[in-house]
Protein backbone atom coordinates (compact mmCIF):
# COMPACT_ATOMS: atom_id res chain seq x y z
CA MET A 1 60.37 -124.24 -111.68
CA ALA A 2 62.75 -124.39 -113.94
CA LYS A 3 63.01 -126.88 -117.13
CA LEU A 4 66.01 -128.37 -119.69
CA GLU A 5 65.60 -131.15 -122.24
CA HIS A 6 68.88 -132.98 -124.18
CA VAL A 7 69.92 -135.47 -126.22
CA LEU A 8 72.46 -137.48 -125.17
CA ASN A 9 74.33 -140.12 -126.67
CA GLY A 10 76.70 -143.49 -124.85
CA ASP A 11 76.05 -145.89 -122.85
CA PHE A 12 72.60 -145.70 -120.70
CA TYR A 13 73.42 -146.98 -117.26
CA GLN A 14 77.15 -145.22 -117.78
CA THR A 15 75.46 -142.07 -119.18
CA ILE A 16 73.78 -141.67 -115.28
CA ARG A 17 76.32 -142.59 -113.55
CA ARG A 18 77.71 -140.04 -114.68
CA ILE A 19 75.08 -137.47 -114.43
CA THR A 20 74.64 -138.66 -110.85
CA ASP A 21 78.50 -138.68 -109.95
CA GLY A 22 78.84 -135.24 -110.74
CA ILE A 23 75.83 -133.93 -109.14
CA LEU A 24 76.33 -135.23 -105.98
CA ASN A 25 79.95 -134.17 -106.52
CA GLY A 26 79.50 -131.04 -107.43
CA SER A 27 77.31 -129.65 -103.85
CA ILE A 28 78.18 -130.69 -100.67
CA SER A 29 74.51 -130.43 -99.89
CA ALA A 30 73.04 -132.08 -103.04
CA SER A 31 71.74 -136.10 -102.28
CA LEU A 32 70.10 -138.34 -104.36
CA GLU A 33 66.25 -139.10 -102.67
CA ASP A 34 64.98 -141.75 -104.66
CA SER A 35 65.10 -143.49 -107.74
CA SER A 36 63.55 -145.49 -110.18
CA ASP A 37 64.28 -147.78 -113.49
CA PHE A 38 61.69 -149.59 -115.79
CA GLN A 39 62.70 -151.05 -118.65
CA VAL A 40 60.11 -153.02 -121.75
CA GLY A 41 61.43 -155.00 -124.43
CA ASP A 42 64.48 -152.92 -125.47
CA SER A 43 63.09 -149.30 -124.39
CA ARG A 44 64.46 -147.71 -120.83
CA CYS A 45 63.24 -144.84 -118.32
CA SER A 46 65.01 -144.12 -115.76
CA VAL A 47 64.13 -141.47 -112.87
CA ARG A 48 66.15 -140.10 -110.72
CA VAL A 49 64.98 -136.98 -107.78
CA PHE A 50 67.68 -134.53 -106.16
CA GLU A 51 67.98 -132.09 -103.64
CA ARG A 52 70.59 -129.82 -102.41
CA TYR A 53 70.42 -126.77 -100.47
CA SER A 54 70.14 -123.41 -102.35
CA TYR A 55 72.51 -120.51 -100.41
CA ALA A 56 70.84 -118.39 -102.87
CA GLY A 57 67.04 -118.53 -102.38
CA SER A 58 68.59 -119.83 -98.43
CA ASN A 59 65.66 -122.81 -99.41
CA ARG A 60 65.83 -126.51 -100.77
CA VAL A 61 65.73 -126.89 -104.30
CA SER A 62 65.23 -130.44 -106.03
CA MET A 63 65.82 -131.80 -109.27
CA ASN A 64 64.20 -134.80 -111.16
CA LEU A 65 65.76 -136.39 -114.03
CA THR A 66 64.05 -139.16 -116.56
CA PHE A 67 66.26 -140.70 -119.09
CA PHE A 68 64.08 -142.47 -122.04
CA GLN A 69 65.45 -144.39 -124.35
CA CYS A 70 64.67 -146.76 -126.85
CA GLY A 71 66.85 -149.38 -128.38
CA ASN A 72 70.64 -147.91 -129.66
CA GLY A 73 68.65 -144.42 -130.04
CA PRO A 74 69.98 -141.54 -128.13
CA ILE A 75 68.99 -140.93 -124.86
CA MET A 76 66.23 -138.49 -124.08
CA LEU A 77 66.92 -136.08 -121.47
CA SER A 78 64.07 -134.17 -119.10
CA ALA A 79 65.43 -132.35 -116.33
CA ILE A 80 62.94 -130.16 -114.20
CA THR A 81 63.83 -128.14 -111.28
CA ALA A 82 61.27 -127.25 -108.13
CA GLY A 83 60.84 -125.49 -104.93
CA GLY A 84 63.33 -122.29 -105.53
CA SER A 85 60.60 -120.17 -104.85
CA GLN A 86 59.95 -118.21 -101.32
CA ALA A 87 56.77 -116.82 -102.08
CA LEU A 88 53.31 -117.89 -100.74
CA PHE A 89 51.12 -117.31 -103.83
CA PHE A 90 53.63 -115.99 -106.64
CA LYS A 91 57.25 -117.20 -108.09
CA VAL A 92 60.25 -115.03 -106.50
CA ASN A 93 63.32 -115.76 -106.10
CA THR A 94 63.71 -118.91 -108.44
CA TRP A 95 67.98 -118.74 -108.49
CA GLY A 96 68.52 -121.83 -106.44
CA GLU A 97 66.36 -123.80 -109.37
CA GLU A 98 68.38 -122.06 -112.17
CA ALA A 99 71.97 -122.88 -110.09
CA PHE A 100 70.93 -126.63 -110.17
CA LEU A 101 70.37 -126.85 -113.52
CA ASP A 102 73.60 -125.07 -114.09
CA LYS A 103 75.39 -127.76 -112.69
CA LEU A 104 73.66 -130.30 -115.43
CA ARG A 105 74.81 -128.42 -117.80
CA GLU A 106 78.29 -128.14 -117.01
CA LEU A 107 78.07 -131.89 -116.94
CA LEU A 108 76.01 -132.47 -119.95
């Protein structure tokens, strides 16, 4: 598992669309598996779950993005990847997880 947290400024939904489009267009095997959006008062939370094939690990890797904003404040982003290991009991070969986060880092 790999994690990246970042603070963004800008329009909440436009930022989510830009990042979603960038991830989907950044890999031929990337897909948006599911999404969820909540709003209570002036607070917003959106979750996006992506998946793609990792050539380095010869397996599929998922990435969960959680966006949160209260009012017009900054957008808080938490990105967590998982599924890049091939071992049964220990994490071995997590290159695919880091590579998926690298694509997000490029977009940020």
